[in-house]
Protein backbone atom coordinates (compact mmCIF):
# COMPACT_ATOMS: atom_id res chain seq x y z
CA MET A 1 -38.10 33.42 -31.42
CA LYS A 2 -37.50 29.73 -32.21
CA ARG A 3 -35.82 28.25 -35.25
CA CYS A 4 -35.59 24.79 -36.85
CA LEU A 5 -32.01 23.73 -37.44
CA LYS A 6 -32.90 21.31 -40.24
CA CYS A 7 -35.05 23.42 -42.54
CA GLY A 8 -34.22 26.93 -41.22
CA GLN A 9 -37.89 27.91 -40.61
CA SER A 10 -38.36 30.54 -37.84
CA TYR A 11 -41.39 30.61 -35.53
CA THR A 12 -42.56 33.44 -33.29
CA ASP A 13 -44.90 31.21 -31.23
CA GLU A 14 -43.09 30.45 -27.98
CA THR A 15 -45.34 27.45 -27.21
CA LEU A 16 -44.12 25.45 -30.21
CA ASN A 17 -41.36 22.93 -29.49
CA PHE A 18 -41.21 21.06 -32.81
CA CYS A 19 -41.04 22.23 -36.44
CA LEU A 20 -44.33 22.01 -38.30
CA ASN A 21 -42.59 21.06 -41.56
CA ASP A 22 -40.26 18.22 -40.54
CA GLY A 23 -40.90 17.62 -36.78
CA GLU A 24 -37.36 18.63 -35.76
CA LEU A 25 -36.79 20.10 -32.29
CA LEU A 26 -36.80 23.90 -32.29
CA VAL A 27 -34.03 25.89 -30.66
CA GLN A 28 -34.32 29.28 -29.01
CA THR A 29 -32.65 32.03 -30.98
CA SER A 30 -31.63 35.41 -29.74
CA SER A 31 -30.00 38.52 -31.05
CA TYR A 32 -26.83 37.63 -29.18
CA ASP A 33 -23.78 37.25 -31.44
CA PRO A 34 -21.33 34.56 -30.31
CA PRO A 35 -17.80 35.80 -29.51
CA THR A 36 -15.11 35.28 -32.09
CA GLN A 37 -12.43 34.50 -29.51
CA PHE A 38 -13.12 32.42 -26.41
CA ALA A 39 -11.64 33.06 -22.96
CA ASP A 40 -10.00 29.65 -22.78
CA ASP A 41 -8.11 29.94 -26.08
CA THR A 42 -4.43 29.31 -25.52
CA PRO A 43 -1.90 31.83 -26.81
CA PRO A 44 -0.05 30.92 -30.00
CA THR A 45 3.15 28.91 -29.72
CA VAL A 46 6.33 30.95 -30.08
CA PHE A 47 9.22 29.26 -31.84
CA MET A 48 12.77 30.19 -30.83
CA ASN A 49 15.47 30.79 -33.41
CA GLN A 50 18.28 28.44 -32.28
CA PRO A 51 17.95 25.19 -30.32
CA ARG A 52 20.07 24.79 -27.19
CA ALA A 53 23.36 23.00 -27.64
CA THR A 54 23.50 20.09 -25.20
CA ASN A 55 26.04 17.93 -26.94
CA PRO A 56 28.75 17.14 -24.33
CA THR A 57 31.42 16.29 -26.89
CA GLY A 58 32.79 19.83 -26.98
CA TRP A 59 32.79 20.39 -23.22
CA PRO A 60 36.08 20.53 -21.29
CA GLN A 61 37.15 17.45 -19.34
CA SER A 62 36.87 17.59 -15.54
CA GLN A 63 39.53 16.54 -13.04
CA PRO A 64 39.32 12.99 -11.60
CA LEU A 65 37.53 12.74 -8.27
CA ALA A 66 40.12 10.51 -6.61
CA THR A 67 42.40 13.45 -5.69
CA TRP A 68 40.20 14.77 -2.88
CA GLU A 69 39.57 11.28 -1.49
CA GLN A 70 43.29 10.67 -0.93
CA ASN A 71 43.76 13.70 1.33
CA ASP A 72 40.70 13.10 3.55
CA PRO A 73 41.99 12.38 7.13
CA ALA A 74 38.69 10.83 8.26
CA ARG A 75 38.84 8.33 5.40
CA GLN A 76 42.46 7.44 6.24
CA GLN A 77 41.54 6.90 9.90
CA GLN A 78 38.58 4.70 8.91
CA GLN A 79 40.84 2.57 6.71
CA MET A 80 43.38 2.30 9.52
CA PHE A 81 40.96 1.25 12.27
CA GLY A 82 38.28 -0.46 10.16
CA ALA A 83 34.64 0.42 9.72
CA TYR A 84 32.46 0.99 12.73
CA ASN A 85 29.91 -1.78 13.28
CA ALA A 86 26.39 -0.74 14.16
CA ALA A 87 24.66 -2.76 16.84
CA GLN A 88 22.28 -5.25 15.28
CA SER A 89 18.93 -5.91 16.86
CA PRO A 90 18.31 -9.53 17.78
CA MET A 91 16.27 -11.69 15.42
CA GLN A 92 12.68 -12.08 16.58
CA THR A 93 11.21 -13.87 13.59
CA LEU A 94 10.17 -17.15 15.21
CA ALA A 95 8.86 -15.37 18.28
CA ALA A 96 6.73 -13.04 16.15
CA ILE A 97 5.42 -16.00 14.13
CA SER A 98 4.56 -17.78 17.35
CA LEU A 99 2.61 -14.79 18.63
CA GLY A 100 0.81 -14.41 15.29
CA LEU A 101 -0.18 -18.07 15.26
CA GLY A 102 -1.35 -17.83 18.87
CA VAL A 103 -3.51 -14.80 18.15
CA GLY A 104 -4.86 -16.53 15.04
CA SER A 105 -5.72 -19.67 17.01
CA VAL A 106 -7.70 -17.73 19.61
CA THR A 107 -9.50 -15.39 17.20
CA VAL A 108 -10.02 -17.38 13.98
CA GLY A 109 -9.33 -20.85 15.36
CA TRP A 110 -12.97 -21.59 16.12
CA CYS A 111 -13.84 -21.51 12.42
CA CYS A 112 -13.60 -25.03 10.96
CA SER A 113 -11.42 -26.07 13.91
CA LEU A 114 -8.51 -24.23 12.35
CA GLY A 115 -7.16 -23.57 15.83
CA LEU A 116 -6.25 -27.23 16.17
CA LEU A 117 -3.52 -26.49 13.63
CA LEU A 118 -2.65 -22.95 14.71
CA GLY A 119 -2.51 -23.61 18.50
CA PRO A 120 0.14 -26.37 18.42
CA ALA A 121 2.07 -24.51 15.72
CA ALA A 122 2.15 -21.44 17.98
CA MET A 123 3.38 -23.53 20.88
CA ILE A 124 6.06 -25.32 18.83
CA THR A 125 7.47 -22.14 17.27
CA GLY A 126 7.33 -20.45 20.67
CA PHE A 127 9.35 -23.23 22.31
CA ILE A 128 11.90 -23.15 19.47
CA ALA A 129 12.22 -19.35 19.84
CA LEU A 130 12.67 -19.68 23.62
CA SER A 131 15.39 -22.31 23.20
CA GLN A 132 17.19 -20.11 20.65
CA ASN A 133 16.91 -17.14 23.00
CA LYS A 134 18.30 -19.19 25.88
CA SER A 135 21.26 -20.51 23.82
CA ASP A 136 22.29 -17.13 22.30
CA PRO A 137 20.46 -14.09 23.76
CA GLN A 138 22.62 -11.62 21.78
CA LYS A 139 21.54 -13.07 18.44
CA TYR A 140 17.95 -14.15 19.17
CA GLY A 141 15.38 -12.01 20.96
CA GLY A 142 11.64 -11.86 21.39
CA ARG A 143 11.31 -13.81 24.62
CA GLY A 144 8.04 -12.05 25.48
CA LEU A 145 6.61 -12.65 22.03
CA ALA A 146 7.44 -16.36 22.24
CA ILE A 147 5.86 -16.67 25.68
CA GLY A 148 2.76 -14.86 24.42
CA GLY A 149 2.45 -17.27 21.48
CA ILE A 150 2.84 -20.31 23.75
CA VAL A 151 0.24 -18.98 26.20
CA LEU A 152 -2.32 -18.12 23.52
CA GLY A 153 -1.90 -21.46 21.74
CA SER A 154 -2.27 -23.40 24.98
CA ILE A 155 -5.29 -21.30 26.06
CA PHE A 156 -7.04 -22.19 22.82
CA LEU A 157 -6.29 -25.89 23.19
CA VAL A 158 -7.55 -25.93 26.80
CA LEU A 159 -10.73 -24.05 25.87
CA TYR A 160 -11.30 -26.35 22.89
CA VAL A 161 -10.95 -29.48 25.05
CA ILE A 162 -13.37 -28.01 27.62
CA PHE A 163 -15.82 -27.17 24.81
CA ILE A 164 -15.64 -30.72 23.42
CA LEU A 165 -16.17 -32.21 26.90
CA ILE A 166 -19.20 -30.01 27.61
CA TYR A 167 -20.65 -30.67 24.15
CA GLY A 168 -20.10 -34.44 24.52
CA ALA A 169 -21.68 -34.43 28.00
CA ALA A 170 -24.68 -32.49 26.67
CA LEU A 171 -25.15 -34.98 23.86
CA LEU A 172 -24.70 -37.99 26.16
CA PHE A 173 -26.85 -36.89 29.09
CA GLY A 174 -29.13 -34.14 27.79
CA GLY A 175 -30.03 -35.60 24.43
C-alpha cells in the first residue's frame, strides 16, 4: 500500500509512484509500528546531591621541601666537586652546509646554471670548515663532510667547463 504524505490519500496500486490528486511522491506504508524508544538513546543524566569540595583554603599546610635536600650526600658531593661536564660533540655546521651545497650543485645545479653559485659556495665553506678543523679539532669537526662538499663543488665546475667547451666547439665547427 502506498500513501501520499501531502493529502493523506492511500493507493493500493503498487505501480503508482505519484499522487493522482496533487502529484506528490508516494511512500510505501506497512503495518509496522515504529519503536517508541530507539537503541541509540542515551540514558538519562543522574545528578549527584553534593558537589565535590576542591577549595584548597581549608587544607593543612605541607612541610617545606628544602629539608630533604640538605641531607642528601650526593648533592653535597656535587656541590663540593662541581657539576660533571658532558662531552660535547664538535660543531659540524659549516661542513654540513658545504656538503649540502655540493650535492645541490651536482643535482640541481644544471637548472638555470644555479650550480655556478652553489659549486663555489660549497668549495668556500668546505675550505673554511677544513681550516677551522685544522686549527681546533676538539671544537670543530666534520672533516669528511667538508672534503665531500669541496669535491662535489669542484666536480660540478669541471663538468660545467667541459660542457661549455664541447658546446662552443660544436657551435663553432659543426654549425
